[in-house]
């Protein structure tokens, strides 16, 4: 096995400042790992007002993180989604996946949780292949 360096990116252009001590992305070889993204408005640092706006921002943030890491939505391999209300959020997430990933659907796990940071309702993390 060839020794490969790990590159961690603490800030990503277009994303709000991380709300804690972690990296937005980490790369190892041709793999890109993206921390949990929420629908945080970069202008305010708080979750957007509606779940629909939050989902839209999550995918915008994901696209920025992927681009900065040398990947794209098309190259996402796997995702985990955390929601606070499965019945309310799952249909919205399904629509967003079809709209944003098209035929290049990644694997996905969706889990209902009791709470998220800042009383948020949806969070998504991803693993992607780097192509650049």
Protein backbone atom coordinates (compact mmCIF):
# COMPACT_ATOMS: atom_id res chain seq x y z
CA UNK A 1 0.00 0.00 0.00
CA UNK A 2 1.37 3.39 -1.00
CA UNK A 3 1.59 5.99 1.72
CA UNK A 4 -0.77 8.85 0.85
CA UNK A 5 -1.10 12.16 2.56
CA UNK A 6 -4.30 13.36 4.15
CA UNK A 7 -5.38 16.90 3.34
CA UNK A 8 -7.88 18.65 5.61
CA UNK A 9 -9.74 21.78 4.60
CA UNK A 10 -11.07 23.85 7.51
CA UNK A 11 -12.70 26.52 5.38
CA UNK A 12 -14.41 26.22 2.02
CA UNK A 13 -15.33 29.19 -0.15
CA UNK A 14 -19.10 29.63 -0.11
CA UNK A 15 -19.66 27.72 3.13
CA UNK A 16 -20.30 29.29 6.51
CA UNK A 17 -17.60 29.06 9.15
CA UNK A 18 -17.67 25.61 10.80
CA UNK A 19 -19.69 25.76 14.02
CA UNK A 20 -17.08 23.70 15.84
CA UNK A 21 -13.53 22.34 15.77
CA UNK A 22 -13.61 20.22 12.60
CA UNK A 23 -12.65 20.25 8.91
CA UNK A 24 -15.29 20.68 6.24
CA UNK A 25 -13.49 18.17 4.03
CA UNK A 26 -10.69 15.66 4.17
CA UNK A 27 -9.07 13.96 1.21
CA UNK A 28 -7.06 10.80 1.06
CA UNK A 29 -5.90 9.68 -2.35
CA UNK A 30 -8.86 9.84 -4.69
CA UNK A 31 -11.43 9.97 -1.89
CA UNK A 32 -13.15 13.09 -0.56
CA UNK A 33 -14.99 13.04 2.76
CA UNK A 34 -17.44 15.89 3.45
CA UNK A 35 -18.55 16.71 7.01
CA UNK A 36 -22.21 17.02 7.84
CA UNK A 37 -23.70 20.01 6.05
CA UNK A 38 -26.78 21.84 7.25
CA UNK A 39 -28.86 24.57 5.66
CA UNK A 40 -26.96 27.38 7.31
CA UNK A 41 -27.30 30.81 5.73
CA UNK A 42 -23.71 32.07 5.33
CA UNK A 43 -24.89 35.65 5.89
CA UNK A 44 -26.42 34.95 9.31
CA UNK A 45 -24.70 31.79 10.54
CA UNK A 46 -28.11 30.34 11.41
CA UNK A 47 -30.35 27.74 9.75
CA UNK A 48 -32.56 29.06 6.96
CA UNK A 49 -36.18 29.73 7.90
CA UNK A 50 -37.87 26.79 6.15
CA UNK A 51 -36.90 23.16 5.58
CA UNK A 52 -37.15 23.70 1.82
CA UNK A 53 -34.62 26.55 2.02
CA UNK A 54 -32.40 24.42 4.24
CA UNK A 55 -32.37 21.53 1.76
CA UNK A 56 -31.56 23.93 -1.09
CA UNK A 57 -28.66 25.41 0.91
CA UNK A 58 -27.39 21.95 1.88
CA UNK A 59 -27.02 21.01 -1.79
CA UNK A 60 -25.43 24.36 -2.60
CA UNK A 61 -22.95 23.87 0.25
CA UNK A 62 -22.30 20.30 -0.90
CA UNK A 63 -21.59 21.45 -4.46
CA UNK A 64 -19.09 24.05 -3.14
CA UNK A 65 -17.34 21.52 -0.89
CA UNK A 66 -17.13 18.97 -3.69
CA UNK A 67 -15.79 21.49 -6.19
CA UNK A 68 -13.13 22.73 -3.77
CA UNK A 69 -12.12 19.12 -3.14
CA UNK A 70 -11.84 18.19 -6.81
CA UNK A 71 -15.16 16.40 -7.22
CA UNK A 72 -18.79 17.05 -8.14
CA UNK A 73 -22.32 15.91 -7.37
CA UNK A 74 -21.93 13.39 -10.18
CA UNK A 75 -19.09 11.68 -8.29
CA UNK A 76 -20.74 11.32 -4.87
CA UNK A 77 -20.56 7.67 -3.84
CA UNK A 78 -22.32 7.57 -0.50
CA UNK A 79 -24.35 9.85 1.78
CA UNK A 80 -25.84 9.89 5.24
CA UNK A 81 -28.79 12.12 6.00
CA UNK A 82 -29.99 12.97 9.49
CA UNK A 83 -33.51 14.34 9.93
CA UNK A 84 -35.58 15.23 12.97
CA UNK A 85 -38.89 14.15 11.39
CA UNK A 86 -38.73 11.25 8.92
CA UNK A 87 -42.33 11.59 7.75
CA UNK A 88 -41.97 15.30 6.98
CA UNK A 89 -38.39 15.36 5.64
CA UNK A 90 -37.97 12.12 3.67
CA UNK A 91 -40.19 13.14 0.70
CA UNK A 92 -38.33 16.48 0.52
CA UNK A 93 -34.97 14.70 0.59
CA UNK A 94 -36.10 12.24 -2.11
CA UNK A 95 -37.07 15.13 -4.41
CA UNK A 96 -33.78 16.91 -3.75
CA UNK A 97 -31.80 13.75 -4.56
CA UNK A 98 -33.60 13.29 -7.86
CA UNK A 99 -33.19 16.98 -8.75
CA UNK A 100 -29.51 17.25 -7.75
CA UNK A 101 -28.10 13.80 -8.52
CA UNK A 102 -30.29 12.80 -11.48
CA UNK A 103 -29.32 9.32 -12.63
CA UNK A 104 -26.08 9.40 -10.62
CA UNK A 105 -27.74 8.52 -7.33
CA UNK A 106 -25.30 7.72 -4.51
CA UNK A 107 -25.94 5.18 -1.83
CA UNK A 108 -27.86 6.71 1.07
CA UNK A 109 -28.69 6.10 4.68
CA UNK A 110 -31.35 8.34 6.23
CA UNK A 111 -31.77 8.36 9.99
CA UNK A 112 -34.25 10.12 12.23
CA UNK A 113 -32.53 11.76 15.19
CA UNK A 114 -33.83 13.53 18.25
CA UNK A 115 -31.98 16.80 17.65
CA UNK A 116 -29.32 18.55 15.56
CA UNK A 117 -27.04 21.50 16.32
CA UNK A 118 -28.74 24.93 16.49
CA UNK A 119 -32.18 23.26 16.57
CA UNK A 120 -31.71 22.40 12.90
CA UNK A 121 -33.78 19.72 11.17
CA UNK A 122 -31.63 18.21 8.38
CA UNK A 123 -27.93 17.37 7.97
CA UNK A 124 -26.12 15.56 5.15
CA UNK A 125 -22.61 14.11 4.93
CA UNK A 126 -21.00 12.60 1.85
CA UNK A 127 -18.12 10.58 0.44
CA UNK A 128 -17.10 11.23 -3.15
CA UNK A 129 -14.46 10.26 -5.69
CA UNK A 130 -12.01 13.00 -6.61
CA UNK A 131 -11.66 13.55 -10.33
CA UNK A 132 -9.41 16.61 -10.51
